Amino acid sequence: MFVPFDLTEDGAADALADAAIDKFGRLDVLVNNAALDHTDDLLAVSVADVRKVFEVNSISAIAVLQQCAQRMDRGGSVVNVTSRLASIGVPSMAVYSATKGALKALTTAAAVELAPRGIRVNAVAPGMTRTPLYEAWLRDQPDPAHSEREVLEAIPMARLAMPSDVAAAVSFLAPDEAAYITGASIPVDGGYTAQ
């Protein structure tokens, strides 16, 4: 079921959680994956743009987690999608990295706070992933083939993640088979952050 919401609007997280319960009768799993990409010179980015990216990537995720966790009356699982950039620095990505770092910190704090309610909170941290966003970035490069070679040379497994790689990590963390895992962040980056 697809239900469109602007998660930056007041009440949207509440309505989203209610829509899931209305359709399925209960809420067991939340995957916090809504995000806005942002690339800019840190010293030039406007405060308004910083607020916008934090509003989507961090504040909305907190609001959705709050509303969904309140409705998980039989325990549940939250999987936050962060980024390799929550753990490493890349020029021009400081604001985006900060929002994903906030989500990584939220994951560990919420895991401890929500454990007594039977709610597990984990994260997956994708690296470069072959998505339409990546393809658009690649097309904008002066020499796309050279840029892609540079990206692949920086990844020990020498390939980009596929969306299915990220989905597999989420699928591992979400069900009851992972019942004793909470507060973890799994890098899905082909070994990039292990270097």
Protein backbone atom coordinates (compact mmCIF):
# COMPACT_ATOMS: atom_id res chain seq x y z
CA MET A 1 0.00 0.00 0.00
CA PHE A 2 1.38 3.40 -0.92
CA VAL A 3 0.23 6.38 1.13
CA PRO A 4 1.80 9.74 0.25
CA PHE A 5 2.72 12.01 3.14
CA ASP A 6 4.95 15.05 3.53
CA LEU A 7 6.62 13.94 6.75
CA THR A 8 7.70 17.50 7.53
CA GLU A 9 4.07 18.52 8.09
CA ASP A 10 2.64 18.44 11.61
CA GLY A 11 0.58 15.31 12.18
CA ALA A 12 1.94 13.43 9.13
CA ALA A 13 3.82 10.84 11.20
CA ASP A 14 0.72 10.21 13.30
CA ALA A 15 -1.45 9.82 10.18
CA LEU A 16 1.09 7.47 8.60
CA ALA A 17 1.12 5.18 11.64
CA ASP A 18 -2.69 5.22 11.78
CA ALA A 19 -2.91 4.38 8.06
CA ALA A 20 -0.72 1.31 8.59
CA ILE A 21 -2.85 0.10 11.49
CA ASP A 22 -6.10 0.80 9.62
CA LYS A 23 -4.87 -1.33 6.71
CA PHE A 24 -3.06 -4.16 8.52
CA GLY A 25 -4.54 -4.16 12.04
CA ARG A 26 -1.20 -3.75 13.82
CA LEU A 27 2.25 -2.29 13.37
CA ASP A 28 5.29 -4.54 13.83
CA VAL A 29 8.10 -3.03 11.75
CA LEU A 30 9.16 0.49 10.82
CA VAL A 31 11.83 1.14 8.21
CA ASN A 32 12.81 4.80 8.45
CA ASN A 33 14.06 5.45 4.91
CA ALA A 34 12.77 8.89 3.91
CA ALA A 35 15.64 11.24 3.11
CA LEU A 36 16.73 14.24 1.13
CA ASP A 37 20.16 14.27 -0.52
CA HIS A 38 22.32 17.36 -0.12
CA THR A 39 25.67 18.39 -1.55
CA ASP A 40 27.18 21.84 -1.00
CA ASP A 41 30.22 23.66 0.27
CA LEU A 42 29.86 23.63 4.06
CA LEU A 43 30.89 27.28 4.35
CA ALA A 44 28.41 28.39 1.70
CA VAL A 45 25.27 26.41 2.56
CA SER A 46 22.44 28.53 3.95
CA VAL A 47 20.97 27.87 7.38
CA ALA A 48 17.59 27.51 5.65
CA ASP A 49 18.95 24.62 3.57
CA VAL A 50 20.50 23.03 6.67
CA ARG A 51 17.14 23.19 8.44
CA LYS A 52 15.35 21.67 5.43
CA VAL A 53 17.71 18.67 5.23
CA PHE A 54 17.57 18.09 9.01
CA GLU A 55 13.77 18.41 8.93
CA VAL A 56 13.45 15.59 6.39
CA ASN A 57 16.37 13.33 7.34
CA SER A 58 16.40 13.60 11.13
CA ILE A 59 13.37 15.31 12.65
CA SER A 60 10.86 13.45 10.47
CA ALA A 61 12.55 10.14 11.31
CA ILE A 62 12.25 10.89 15.02
CA ALA A 63 8.58 11.81 14.63
CA VAL A 64 7.79 8.64 12.67
CA LEU A 65 9.69 6.49 15.19
CA GLN A 66 7.76 8.09 18.07
CA GLN A 67 4.35 7.56 16.50
CA CYS A 68 5.03 4.02 15.31
CA ALA A 69 6.69 2.86 18.54
CA GLN A 70 3.72 4.14 20.55
CA ARG A 71 1.51 1.81 18.50
CA MET A 72 3.76 -1.28 18.74
CA ASP A 73 1.87 -2.85 21.60
CA ARG A 74 3.38 -6.33 21.06
CA GLY A 75 6.96 -5.15 20.67
CA GLY A 76 8.43 -4.49 17.28
CA SER A 77 11.41 -3.58 15.18
CA VAL A 78 12.66 -0.25 13.88
CA VAL A 79 15.33 -0.14 11.17
CA ASN A 80 16.78 3.29 10.45
CA VAL A 81 18.54 3.77 7.13
CA THR A 82 21.60 5.88 7.79
CA SER A 83 24.64 6.07 5.49
CA ARG A 84 28.34 5.35 5.31
CA LEU A 85 28.55 9.13 5.63
CA ALA A 86 27.42 8.88 9.27
CA SER A 87 30.88 7.45 9.97
CA ILE A 88 33.26 9.09 7.47
CA GLY A 89 33.89 12.53 6.05
CA VAL A 90 33.42 13.44 2.40
CA PRO A 91 33.88 16.99 1.12
CA SER A 92 30.63 18.78 0.26
CA MET A 93 28.55 16.22 2.19
CA ALA A 94 28.84 17.67 5.72
CA VAL A 95 25.19 18.61 6.21
CA TYR A 96 23.87 15.31 4.83
CA SER A 97 26.45 13.45 6.93
CA ALA A 98 25.36 15.30 10.05
CA THR A 99 21.72 14.30 9.51
CA LYS A 100 22.68 10.67 9.06
CA GLY A 101 24.99 10.86 12.09
CA ALA A 102 22.04 12.11 14.11
CA LEU A 103 20.01 9.11 12.93
CA LYS A 104 22.85 6.75 13.89
CA ALA A 105 22.95 8.29 17.39
CA LEU A 106 19.15 8.07 17.63
CA THR A 107 19.41 4.36 16.82
CA THR A 108 21.63 3.55 19.79
CA ALA A 109 19.77 5.78 22.25
CA ALA A 110 16.33 4.56 21.18
CA ALA A 111 17.50 0.93 21.34
CA VAL A 112 18.24 1.35 25.04
CA GLU A 113 15.16 3.42 25.83
CA LEU A 114 12.68 1.22 23.96
CA ALA A 115 14.10 -2.17 24.99
CA PRO A 116 11.76 -2.45 28.01
CA ARG A 117 8.84 -2.13 25.57
CA GLY A 118 10.16 -5.03 23.49
CA ILE A 119 11.06 -2.73 20.60
CA ARG A 120 14.39 -3.27 18.89
CA VAL A 121 16.06 -0.37 17.05
CA ASN A 122 18.85 -0.98 14.55
CA ALA A 123 20.31 0.69 11.50
CA VAL A 124 21.71 -0.17 8.10
CA ALA A 125 24.34 2.15 6.66
CA PRO A 126 24.48 1.87 2.87
CA GLY A 127 27.43 2.95 0.83
CA MET A 128 27.20 4.00 -2.79
CA THR A 129 24.15 2.22 -4.17
CA ARG A 130 23.06 1.91 -7.79
CA THR A 131 19.85 3.93 -7.61
CA PRO A 132 18.33 6.59 -9.87
CA LEU A 133 19.98 9.19 -7.60
CA TYR A 134 23.41 7.64 -8.22
CA GLU A 135 22.76 7.39 -11.96
CA ALA A 136 21.76 11.08 -12.08
CA TRP A 137 24.94 12.03 -10.18
CA LEU A 138 27.03 9.96 -12.57
CA ARG A 139 25.46 11.58 -15.65
CA ASP A 140 26.36 15.02 -14.25
CA GLN A 141 30.08 14.16 -14.01
CA PRO A 142 32.42 15.53 -16.72
CA ASP A 143 33.70 11.99 -17.41
CA PRO A 144 31.13 9.49 -16.07
CA ALA A 145 33.22 6.41 -16.90
CA HIS A 146 36.24 7.82 -15.05
CA SER A 147 34.10 8.85 -12.07
CA GLU A 148 32.59 5.39 -11.80
CA ARG A 149 36.03 3.77 -11.98
CA GLU A 150 37.17 6.00 -9.09
CA VAL A 151 34.10 5.06 -7.04
CA LEU A 152 34.63 1.33 -7.63
CA GLU A 153 38.38 1.52 -6.88
CA ALA A 154 37.55 2.92 -3.42
CA ILE A 155 35.30 -0.04 -2.54
CA PRO A 156 37.12 -3.24 -1.48
CA MET A 157 34.46 -5.43 -3.10
CA ALA A 158 34.87 -3.36 -6.31
CA ARG A 159 31.16 -2.96 -6.96
CA LEU A 160 28.30 -0.72 -5.97
CA ALA A 161 25.58 -1.92 -3.65
CA MET A 162 22.32 -2.83 -5.30
CA PRO A 163 19.03 -1.86 -3.65
CA SER A 164 18.51 -5.58 -2.99
CA ASP A 165 21.72 -5.64 -0.90
CA VAL A 166 20.33 -2.94 1.37
CA ALA A 167 16.90 -4.60 1.45
CA ALA A 168 18.51 -7.89 2.52
CA ALA A 169 20.14 -6.22 5.53
CA VAL A 170 16.83 -4.61 6.49
CA SER A 171 15.08 -7.96 6.05
CA PHE A 172 17.65 -9.58 8.36
CA LEU A 173 17.13 -7.01 11.14
CA ALA A 174 13.34 -6.62 10.95
CA PRO A 175 11.91 -10.05 11.88
CA ASP A 176 11.84 -11.92 15.18
CA GLU A 177 14.74 -14.13 14.03
CA ALA A 178 16.96 -11.14 14.94
CA ALA A 179 15.24 -10.83 18.33
CA TYR A 180 18.44 -10.30 20.34
CA ILE A 181 19.95 -7.65 18.08
CA THR A 182 19.34 -4.05 19.04
CA GLY A 183 21.41 -0.88 18.85
CA ALA A 184 23.44 -2.25 15.95
CA SER A 185 24.41 -0.51 12.74
CA ILE A 186 25.26 -2.77 9.82
CA PRO A 187 27.42 -1.25 7.09
CA VAL A 188 26.22 -2.28 3.64
CA ASP A 189 29.12 -0.72 1.76
CA GLY A 190 31.30 -3.47 0.31
CA GLY A 191 33.94 -2.91 2.97
CA TYR A 192 34.35 0.84 2.34
CA THR A 193 34.20 1.89 6.00
CA ALA A 194 36.28 -1.11 7.11
CA GLN A 195 39.40 0.37 5.49
